[in-house]
Amino acid sequence: MIKLRAELKCYLCGRTAGELETAGGQEGTRRTFRPAPGMESLVGIEVRKARCLGCGGGLYVEEIERVYFLSERPLKPEKRGRKPRRRPAA
């Protein structure tokens, strides 16, 4: 599974406002915003309308990175021990 992660930064002062995270390749998925320290009041505001708390500048997405991770469940069930040995019929 792939997640997309991006940093939000201010155009004017370059301060990091937080981090956006979403599941990759899916339309209508929910975005998660993790604010940087001191930017907690940006939670709940639309990203388009958000402004830097320090200078009032607009925010932009600096870089988008793909994060690959495995799902929680194993792909194949684990096998327990060796198979029993077959003895030839006597």
PDB file of N, CA and C in Angstrom:
ATOM      1  N   MET A   1       0.844  -1.171   0.000  1.00  0.00           N
ATOM      2  CA  MET A   1       0.000   0.000   0.000  1.00  0.00           C
ATOM      3  C   MET A   1       0.890   1.235   0.000  1.00  0.00           C
ATOM      4  N   ILE A   2       0.422   2.291  -0.598  1.00  0.00           N
ATOM      5  CA  ILE A   2       1.205   3.516  -0.717  1.00  0.00           C
ATOM      6  C   ILE A   2       0.470   4.657  -0.030  1.00  0.00           C
ATOM      7  N   LYS A   3       1.212   5.459   0.708  1.00  0.00           N
ATOM      8  CA  LYS A   3       0.688   6.699   1.261  1.00  0.00           C
ATOM      9  C   LYS A   3       1.486   7.844   0.668  1.00  0.00           C
ATOM     10  N   LEU A   4       0.843   8.979   0.504  1.00  0.00           N
ATOM     11  CA  LEU A   4       1.524  10.178   0.046  1.00  0.00           C
ATOM     12  C   LEU A   4       1.663  11.131   1.220  1.00  0.00           C
ATOM     13  N   ARG A   5       2.855  11.663   1.396  1.00  0.00           N
ATOM     14  CA  ARG A   5       3.131  12.580   2.503  1.00  0.00           C
ATOM     15  C   ARG A   5       3.753  13.852   1.931  1.00  0.00           C
ATOM     16  N   ALA A   6       3.303  15.010   2.416  1.00  0.00           N
ATOM     17  CA  ALA A   6       3.814  16.289   1.921  1.00  0.00           C
ATOM     18  C   ALA A   6       3.929  17.286   3.066  1.00  0.00           C
ATOM     19  N   GLU A   7       4.925  18.177   2.963  1.00  0.00           N
ATOM     20  CA  GLU A   7       5.095  19.241   3.952  1.00  0.00           C
ATOM     21  C   GLU A   7       4.398  20.503   3.470  1.00  0.00           C
ATOM     22  N   LEU A   8       3.756  21.204   4.396  1.00  0.00           N
ATOM     23  CA  LEU A   8       3.152  22.508   4.098  1.00  0.00           C
ATOM     24  C   LEU A   8       4.086  23.588   4.627  1.00  0.00           C
ATOM     25  N   LYS A   9       4.463  24.520   3.759  1.00  0.00           N
ATOM     26  CA  LYS A   9       5.366  25.600   4.163  1.00  0.00           C
ATOM     27  C   LYS A   9       4.793  26.945   3.764  1.00  0.00           C
ATOM     28  N   CYS A  10       5.291  27.987   4.398  1.00  0.00           N
ATOM     29  CA  CYS A  10       4.843  29.356   4.133  1.00  0.00           C
ATOM     30  C   CYS A  10       5.635  29.945   2.961  1.00  0.00           C
ATOM     31  N   TYR A  11       4.938  30.655   2.058  1.00  0.00           N
ATOM     32  CA  TYR A  11       5.599  31.320   0.941  1.00  0.00           C
ATOM     33  C   TYR A  11       6.532  32.434   1.416  1.00  0.00           C
ATOM     34  N   LEU A  12       6.118  33.207   2.415  1.00  0.00           N
ATOM     35  CA  LEU A  12       6.866  34.389   2.806  1.00  0.00           C
ATOM     36  C   LEU A  12       8.040  34.104   3.742  1.00  0.00           C
ATOM     37  N   CYS A  13       7.790  33.376   4.824  1.00  0.00           N
ATOM     38  CA  CYS A  13       8.859  33.189   5.816  1.00  0.00           C
ATOM     39  C   CYS A  13       9.504  31.813   5.756  1.00  0.00           C
ATOM     40  N   GLY A  14       8.930  30.844   5.039  1.00  0.00           N
ATOM     41  CA  GLY A  14       9.515  29.524   4.912  1.00  0.00           C
ATOM     42  C   GLY A  14       9.283  28.614   6.102  1.00  0.00           C
ATOM     43  N   ARG A  15       8.470  29.045   7.053  1.00  0.00           N
ATOM     44  CA  ARG A  15       8.182  28.245   8.246  1.00  0.00           C
ATOM     45  C   ARG A  15       7.351  27.026   7.870  1.00  0.00           C
ATOM     46  N   THR A  16       7.656  25.880   8.484  1.00  0.00           N
ATOM     47  CA  THR A  16       6.880  24.663   8.243  1.00  0.00           C
ATOM     48  C   THR A  16       5.603  24.711   9.071  1.00  0.00           C
ATOM     49  N   ALA A  17       4.460  24.573   8.398  1.00  0.00           N
ATOM     50  CA  ALA A  17       3.170  24.621   9.085  1.00  0.00           C
ATOM     51  C   ALA A  17       2.719  23.242   9.533  1.00  0.00           C
ATOM     52  N   GLY A  18       3.159  22.205   8.838  1.00  0.00           N
ATOM     53  CA  GLY A  18       2.749  20.851   9.214  1.00  0.00           C
ATOM     54  C   GLY A  18       2.968  19.874   8.084  1.00  0.00           C
ATOM     55  N   GLU A  19       2.312  18.743   8.211  1.00  0.00           N
ATOM     56  CA  GLU A  19       2.474  17.652   7.258  1.00  0.00           C
ATOM     57  C   GLU A  19       1.115  17.092   6.874  1.00  0.00           C
ATOM     58  N   LEU A  20       0.897  16.890   5.579  1.00  0.00           N
ATOM     59  CA  LEU A  20      -0.329  16.269   5.066  1.00  0.00           C
ATOM     60  C   LEU A  20      -0.031  14.829   4.700  1.00  0.00           C
ATOM     61  N   GLU A  21      -0.994  13.941   4.964  1.00  0.00           N
ATOM     62  CA  GLU A  21      -0.820  12.535   4.607  1.00  0.00           C
ATOM     63  C   GLU A  21      -2.140  12.000   4.075  1.00  0.00           C
ATOM     64  N   THR A  22      -2.076  11.216   2.985  1.00  0.00           N
ATOM     65  CA  THR A  22      -3.270  10.625   2.394  1.00  0.00           C
ATOM     66  C   THR A  22      -2.902   9.289   1.743  1.00  0.00           C
ATOM     67  N   ALA A  23      -3.886   8.432   1.558  1.00  0.00           N
ATOM     68  CA  ALA A  23      -3.657   7.161   0.859  1.00  0.00           C
ATOM     69  C   ALA A  23      -3.525   7.460  -0.624  1.00  0.00           C
ATOM     70  N   GLY A  24      -2.521   6.905  -1.259  1.00  0.00           N
ATOM     71  CA  GLY A  24      -2.230   7.209  -2.655  1.00  0.00           C
ATOM     72  C   GLY A  24      -3.138   6.501  -3.629  1.00  0.00           C
ATOM     73  N   GLY A  25      -3.444   7.175  -4.730  1.00  0.00           N
ATOM     74  CA  GLY A  25      -4.173   6.567  -5.822  1.00  0.00           C
ATOM     75  C   GLY A  25      -5.659   6.378  -5.598  1.00  0.00           C
ATOM     76  N   GLN A  26      -6.222   6.947  -4.562  1.00  0.00           N
ATOM     77  CA  GLN A  26      -7.646   6.774  -4.296  1.00  0.00           C
ATOM     78  C   GLN A  26      -8.323   8.139  -4.242  1.00  0.00           C
ATOM     79  N   GLU A  27      -9.361   8.294  -5.027  1.00  0.00           N
ATOM     80  CA  GLU A  27     -10.114   9.553  -5.032  1.00  0.00           C
ATOM     81  C   GLU A  27     -11.013   9.630  -3.800  1.00  0.00           C
ATOM     82  N   GLY A  28     -11.140  10.792  -3.250  1.00  0.00           N
ATOM     83  CA  GLY A  28     -12.057  10.994  -2.138  1.00  0.00           C
ATOM     84  C   GLY A  28     -11.572  10.438  -0.817  1.00  0.00           C
ATOM     85  N   THR A  29     -10.288  10.119  -0.709  1.00  0.00           N
ATOM     86  CA  THR A  29      -9.788   9.606   0.563  1.00  0.00           C
ATOM     87  C   THR A  29      -9.566  10.758   1.534  1.00  0.00           C
ATOM     88  N   ARG A  30      -9.558  10.423   2.773  1.00  0.00           N
ATOM     89  CA  ARG A  30      -9.432  11.429   3.815  1.00  0.00           C
ATOM     90  C   ARG A  30      -7.970  11.819   4.001  1.00  0.00           C
ATOM     91  N   ARG A  31      -7.745  13.114   4.121  1.00  0.00           N
ATOM     92  CA  ARG A  31      -6.401  13.622   4.369  1.00  0.00           C
ATOM     93  C   ARG A  31      -6.203  13.827   5.859  1.00  0.00           C
ATOM     94  N   THR A  32      -4.989  13.548   6.310  1.00  0.00           N
ATOM     95  CA  THR A  32      -4.645  13.753   7.707  1.00  0.00           C
ATOM     96  C   THR A  32      -3.636  14.886   7.773  1.00  0.00           C
ATOM     97  N   PHE A  33      -3.884  15.860   8.650  1.00  0.00           N
ATOM     98  CA  PHE A  33      -2.966  16.981   8.822  1.00  0.00           C
ATOM     99  C   PHE A  33      -2.337  16.899  10.203  1.00  0.00           C
ATOM    100  N   ARG A  34      -1.019  16.904  10.233  1.00  0.00           N
ATOM    101  CA  ARG A  34      -0.287  16.930  11.500  1.00  0.00           C
ATOM    102  C   ARG A  34       0.415  18.280  11.602  1.00  0.00           C
ATOM    103  N   PRO A  35      -0.045  19.144  12.490  1.00  0.00           N
ATOM    104  CA  PRO A  35       0.562  20.469  12.582  1.00  0.00           C
ATOM    105  C   PRO A  35       1.949  20.432  13.215  1.00  0.00           C
ATOM    106  N   ALA A  36       2.778  21.372  12.816  1.00  0.00           N
ATOM    107  CA  ALA A  36       4.094  21.537  13.433  1.00  0.00           C
ATOM    108  C   ALA A  36       3.891  22.176  14.807  1.00  0.00           C
ATOM    109  N   PRO A  37       4.884  22.083  15.697  1.00  0.00           N
ATOM    110  CA  PRO A  37       4.746  22.716  17.012  1.00  0.00           C
ATOM    111  C   PRO A  37       4.460  24.215  16.884  1.00  0.00           C
ATOM    112  N   GLY A  38       3.448  24.674  17.580  1.00  0.00           N
ATOM    113  CA  GLY A  38       3.039  26.077  17.525  1.00  0.00           C
ATOM    114  C   GLY A  38       2.004  26.371  16.458  1.00  0.00           C
ATOM    115  N   MET A  39       1.648  25.417  15.638  1.00  0.00           N
ATOM    116  CA  MET A  39       0.680  25.618  14.553  1.00  0.00           C
ATOM    117  C   MET A  39      -0.597  24.817  14.781  1.00  0.00           C
ATOM    118  N   GLU A  40      -0.878  24.463  16.011  1.00  0.00           N
ATOM    119  CA  GLU A  40      -2.030  23.613  16.314  1.00  0.00           C
ATOM    120  C   GLU A  40      -3.368  24.258  15.964  1.00  0.00           C
ATOM    121  N   SER A  41      -3.428  25.575  15.893  1.00  0.00           N
ATOM    122  CA  SER A  41      -4.702  26.232  15.590  1.00  0.00           C
ATOM    123  C   SER A  41      -5.107  26.077  14.121  1.00  0.00           C
ATOM    124  N   LEU A  42      -4.247  25.513  13.294  1.00  0.00           N
ATOM    125  CA  LEU A  42      -4.591  25.278  11.887  1.00  0.00           C
ATOM    126  C   LEU A  42      -5.431  24.021  11.693  1.00  0.00           C
ATOM    127  N   VAL A  43      -5.562  23.205  12.721  1.00  0.00           N
ATOM    128  CA  VAL A  43      -6.340  21.968  12.621  1.00  0.00           C
ATOM    129  C   VAL A  43      -7.810  22.324  12.407  1.00  0.00           C
ATOM    130  N   GLY A  44      -8.431  21.712  11.399  1.00  0.00           N
ATOM    131  CA  GLY A  44      -9.840  21.951  11.111  1.00  0.00           C
ATOM    132  C   GLY A  44     -10.075  23.001  10.041  1.00  0.00           C
ATOM    133  N   ILE A  45      -9.049  23.723   9.636  1.00  0.00           N
ATOM    134  CA  ILE A  45      -9.180  24.742   8.589  1.00  0.00           C
ATOM    135  C   ILE A  45      -8.848  24.090   7.246  1.00  0.00           C
ATOM    136  N   GLU A  46      -9.575  24.460   6.189  1.00  0.00           N
ATOM    137  CA  GLU A  46      -9.267  23.942   4.864  1.00  0.00           C
ATOM    138  C   GLU A  46      -7.862  24.360   4.467  1.00  0.00           C
ATOM    139  N   VAL A  47      -7.161  23.479   3.772  1.00  0.00           N
ATOM    140  CA  VAL A  47      -5.776  23.756   3.399  1.00  0.00           C
ATOM    141  C   VAL A  47      -5.695  24.971   2.479  1.00  0.00           C
ATOM    142  N   ARG A  48      -6.665  25.150   1.613  1.00  0.00           N
ATOM    143  CA  ARG A  48      -6.659  26.289   0.691  1.00  0.00           C
ATOM    144  C   ARG A  48      -6.776  27.629   1.413  1.00  0.00           C
ATOM    145  N   LYS A  49      -7.482  27.639   2.538  1.00  0.00           N
ATOM    146  CA  LYS A  49      -7.715  28.891   3.268  1.00  0.00           C
ATOM    147  C   LYS A  49      -6.723  29.109   4.406  1.00  0.00           C
ATOM    148  N   ALA A  50      -5.877  28.137   4.681  1.00  0.00           N
ATOM    149  CA  ALA A  50      -4.954  28.240   5.808  1.00  0.00           C
ATOM    150  C   ALA A  50      -3.866  29.274   5.527  1.00  0.00           C
ATOM    151  N   ARG A  51      -3.455  29.985   6.574  1.00  0.00           N
ATOM    152  CA  ARG A  51      -2.402  31.001   6.492  1.00  0.00           C
ATOM    153  C   ARG A  51      -1.364  30.727   7.562  1.00  0.00           C
ATOM    154  N   CYS A  52      -0.161  31.192   7.348  1.00  0.00           N
ATOM    155  CA  CYS A  52       0.913  31.060   8.327  1.00  0.00           C
ATOM    156  C   CYS A  52       0.557  31.889   9.561  1.00  0.00           C
ATOM    157  N   LEU A  53       0.765  31.311  10.731  1.00  0.00           N
ATOM    158  CA  LEU A  53       0.434  32.026  11.965  1.00  0.00           C
ATOM    159  C   LEU A  53       1.478  33.080  12.319  1.00  0.00           C
ATOM    160  N   GLY A  54       2.669  32.950  11.786  1.00  0.00           N
ATOM    161  CA  GLY A  54       3.730  33.906  12.098  1.00  0.00           C
ATOM    162  C   GLY A  54       3.641  35.188  11.285  1.00  0.00           C
ATOM    163  N   CYS A  55       3.446  35.056   9.958  1.00  0.00           N
ATOM    164  CA  CYS A  55       3.485  36.246   9.099  1.00  0.00           C
ATOM    165  C   CYS A  55       2.209  36.454   8.286  1.00  0.00           C
ATOM    166  N   GLY A  56       1.313  35.474   8.257  1.00  0.00           N
ATOM    167  CA  GLY A  56       0.070  35.617   7.499  1.00  0.00           C
ATOM    168  C   GLY A  56       0.190  35.240   6.036  1.00  0.00           C
ATOM    169  N   GLY A  57       1.325  34.680   5.639  1.00  0.00           N
ATOM    170  CA  GLY A  57       1.537  34.281   4.249  1.00  0.00           C
ATOM    171  C   GLY A  57       0.774  33.014   3.888  1.00  0.00           C
ATOM    172  N   GLY A  58       0.631  32.791   2.585  1.00  0.00           N
ATOM    173  CA  GLY A  58      -0.048  31.600   2.092  1.00  0.00           C
ATOM    174  C   GLY A  58       0.826  30.362   2.251  1.00  0.00           C
ATOM    175  N   LEU A  59       0.186  29.214   2.306  1.00  0.00           N
ATOM    176  CA  LEU A  59       0.910  27.957   2.469  1.00  0.00           C
ATOM    177  C   LEU A  59       0.957  27.206   1.146  1.00  0.00           C
ATOM    178  N   TYR A  60       2.032  26.467   0.936  1.00  0.00           N
ATOM    179  CA  TYR A  60       2.160  25.644  -0.263  1.00  0.00           C
ATOM    180  C   TYR A  60       2.725  24.275   0.108  1.00  0.00           C
ATOM    181  N   VAL A  61       2.519  23.311  -0.771  1.00  0.00           N
ATOM    182  CA  VAL A  61       3.034  21.959  -0.579  1.00  0.00           C
ATOM    183  C   VAL A  61       4.443  21.933  -1.155  1.00  0.00           C
ATOM    184  N   GLU A  62       5.433  21.672  -0.298  1.00  0.00           N
ATOM    185  CA  GLU A  62       6.814  21.743  -0.773  1.00  0.00           C
ATOM    186  C   GLU A  62       7.217  20.509  -1.577  1.00  0.00           C
ATOM    187  N   GLU A  63       7.127  19.347  -1.001  1.00  0.00           N
ATOM    188  CA  GLU A  63       7.490  18.145  -1.738  1.00  0.00           C
ATOM    189  C   GLU A  63       6.570  17.006  -1.336  1.00  0.00           C
ATOM    190  N   ILE A  64       6.267  16.167  -2.302  1.00  0.00           N
ATOM    191  CA  ILE A  64       5.403  15.019  -2.045  1.00  0.00           C
ATOM    192  C   ILE A  64       6.271  13.779  -2.116  1.00  0.00           C
ATOM    193  N   GLU A  65       6.204  12.952  -1.086  1.00  0.00           N
ATOM    194  CA  GLU A  65       6.968  11.716  -1.092  1.00  0.00           C
ATOM    195  C   GLU A  65       6.033  10.528  -0.949  1.00  0.00           C
ATOM    196  N   ARG A  66       6.409   9.434  -1.574  1.00  0.00           N
ATOM    197  CA  ARG A  66       5.643   8.200  -1.469  1.00  0.00           C
ATOM    198  C   ARG A  66       6.210   7.377  -0.336  1.00  0.00           C
ATOM    199  N   VAL A  67       5.320   6.885   0.511  1.00  0.00           N
ATOM    200  CA  VAL A  67       5.723   6.045   1.635  1.00  0.00           C
ATOM    201  C   VAL A  67       5.097   4.683   1.423  1.00  0.00           C
ATOM    202  N   TYR A  68       5.929   3.669   1.280  1.00  0.00           N
ATOM    203  CA  TYR A  68       5.451   2.302   1.071  1.00  0.00           C
ATOM    204  C   TYR A  68       5.417   1.584   2.411  1.00  0.00           C
ATOM    205  N   PHE A  69       4.357   0.856   2.670  1.00  0.00           N
ATOM    206  CA  PHE A  69       4.277   0.079   3.894  1.00  0.00           C
ATOM    207  C   PHE A  69       3.455  -1.170   3.636  1.00  0.00           C
ATOM    208  N   LEU A  70       3.730  -2.189   4.437  1.00  0.00           N
ATOM    209  CA  LEU A  70       3.004  -3.446   4.311  1.00  0.00           C
ATOM    210  C   LEU A  70       1.710  -3.373   5.101  1.00  0.00           C
ATOM    211  N   SER A  71       0.754  -4.145   4.688  1.00  0.00           N
ATOM    212  CA  SER A  71      -0.508  -4.180   5.411  1.00  0.00           C
ATOM    213  C   SER A  71      -0.307  -4.876   6.755  1.00  0.00           C
ATOM    214  N   GLU A  72      -1.262  -4.751   7.629  1.00  0.00           N
ATOM    215  CA  GLU A  72      -1.171  -5.306   8.976  1.00  0.00           C
ATOM    216  C   GLU A  72      -1.177  -6.834   8.986  1.00  0.00           C
ATOM    217  N   ARG A  73      -1.921  -7.441   8.088  1.00  0.00           N
ATOM    218  CA  ARG A  73      -2.015  -8.896   8.093  1.00  0.00           C
ATOM    219  C   ARG A  73      -0.906  -9.495   7.235  1.00  0.00           C
ATOM    220  N   PRO A  74      -0.405 -10.662   7.580  1.00  0.00           N
ATOM    221  CA  PRO A  74       0.633 -11.291   6.759  1.00  0.00           C
ATOM    222  C   PRO A  74       0.044 -11.747   5.423  1.00  0.00           C
ATOM    223  N   LEU A  75       0.883 -11.805   4.426  1.00  0.00           N
ATOM    224  CA  LEU A  75       0.407 -12.198   3.100  1.00  0.00           C
ATOM    225  C   LEU A  75       0.045 -13.674   3.037  1.00  0.00           C
ATOM    226  N   LYS A  76       0.840 -14.547   3.673  1.00  0.00           N
ATOM    227  CA  LYS A  76       0.551 -15.982   3.719  1.00  0.00           C
ATOM    228  C   LYS A  76       0.575 -16.419   5.184  1.00  0.00           C
ATOM    229  N   PRO A  77      -0.294 -17.358   5.547  1.00  0.00           N
ATOM    230  CA  PRO A  77      -0.260 -17.825   6.933  1.00  0.00           C
ATOM    231  C   PRO A  77       1.058 -18.546   7.219  1.00  0.00           C
ATOM    232  N   GLU A  78       1.526 -18.432   8.451  1.00  0.00           N
ATOM    233  CA  GLU A  78       2.773 -19.077   8.820  1.00  0.00           C
ATOM    234  C   GLU A  78       2.592 -20.586   8.894  1.00  0.00           C
ATOM    235  N   LYS A  79       3.610 -21.311   8.461  1.00  0.00           N
ATOM    236  CA  LYS A  79       3.578 -22.764   8.550  1.00  0.00           C
ATOM    237  C   LYS A  79       4.205 -23.158   9.882  1.00  0.00           C
ATOM    238  N   ARG A  80       3.644 -24.173  10.504  1.00  0.00           N
ATOM    239  CA  ARG A  80       4.149 -24.607  11.804  1.00  0.00           C
ATOM    240  C   ARG A  80       4.960 -25.887  11.649  1.00  0.00           C
ATOM    241  N   GLY A  81       6.243 -25.809  11.885  1.00  0.00           N
ATOM    242  CA  GLY A  81       7.099 -26.991  11.926  1.00  0.00           C
ATOM    243  C   GLY A  81       7.284 -27.686  10.590  1.00  0.00           C
ATOM    244  N   ARG A  82       7.910 -28.833  10.674  1.00  0.00           N
ATOM    245  CA  ARG A  82       8.155 -29.642   9.474  1.00  0.00           C
ATOM    246  C   ARG A  82       6.979 -30.567   9.209  1.00  0.00           C
ATOM    247  N   LYS A  83       6.862 -30.994   7.976  1.00  0.00           N
ATOM    248  CA  LYS A  83       5.828 -31.963   7.623  1.00  0.00           C
ATOM    249  C   LYS A  83       6.223 -33.317   8.203  1.00  0.00           C
ATOM    250  N   PRO A  84       5.245 -34.133   8.597  1.00  0.00           N
ATOM    251  CA  PRO A  84       5.585 -35.456   9.130  1.00  0.00           C
ATOM    252  C   PRO A  84       6.231 -36.324   8.053  1.00  0.00           C
ATOM    253  N   ARG A  85       7.159 -37.155   8.482  1.00  0.00           N
ATOM    254  CA  ARG A  85       7.887 -38.004   7.559  1.00  0.00           C
ATOM    255  C   ARG A  85       7.026 -39.207   7.183  1.00  0.00           C
ATOM    256  N   ARG A  86       6.976 -39.513   5.918  1.00  0.00           N
ATOM    257  CA  ARG A  86       6.213 -40.686   5.467  1.00  0.00           C
ATOM    258  C   ARG A  86       7.123 -41.900   5.517  1.00  0.00           C
ATOM    259  N   ARG A  87       6.638 -42.949   6.137  1.00  0.00           N
ATOM    260  CA  ARG A  87       7.414 -44.205   6.221  1.00  0.00           C
ATOM    261  C   ARG A  87       6.861 -45.177   5.194  1.00  0.00           C
ATOM    262  N   PRO A  88       7.766 -45.865   4.555  1.00  0.00           N
ATOM    263  CA  PRO A  88       7.303 -46.839   3.557  1.00  0.00           C
ATOM    264  C   PRO A  88       6.511 -47.972   4.241  1.00  0.00           C
ATOM    265  N   ALA A  89       5.508 -48.485   3.533  1.00  0.00           N
ATOM    266  CA  ALA A  89       4.685 -49.561   4.078  1.00  0.00           C
ATOM    267  C   ALA A  89       5.525 -50.838   4.152  1.00  0.00           C
ATOM    268  N   ALA A  90       5.478 -51.527   5.258  1.00  0.00           N
ATOM    269  CA  ALA A  90       6.294 -52.729   5.445  1.00  0.00           C
ATOM    270  C   ALA A  90       5.530 -53.988   5.171  1.00  0.00           C
TER     271      ALA A  90
END
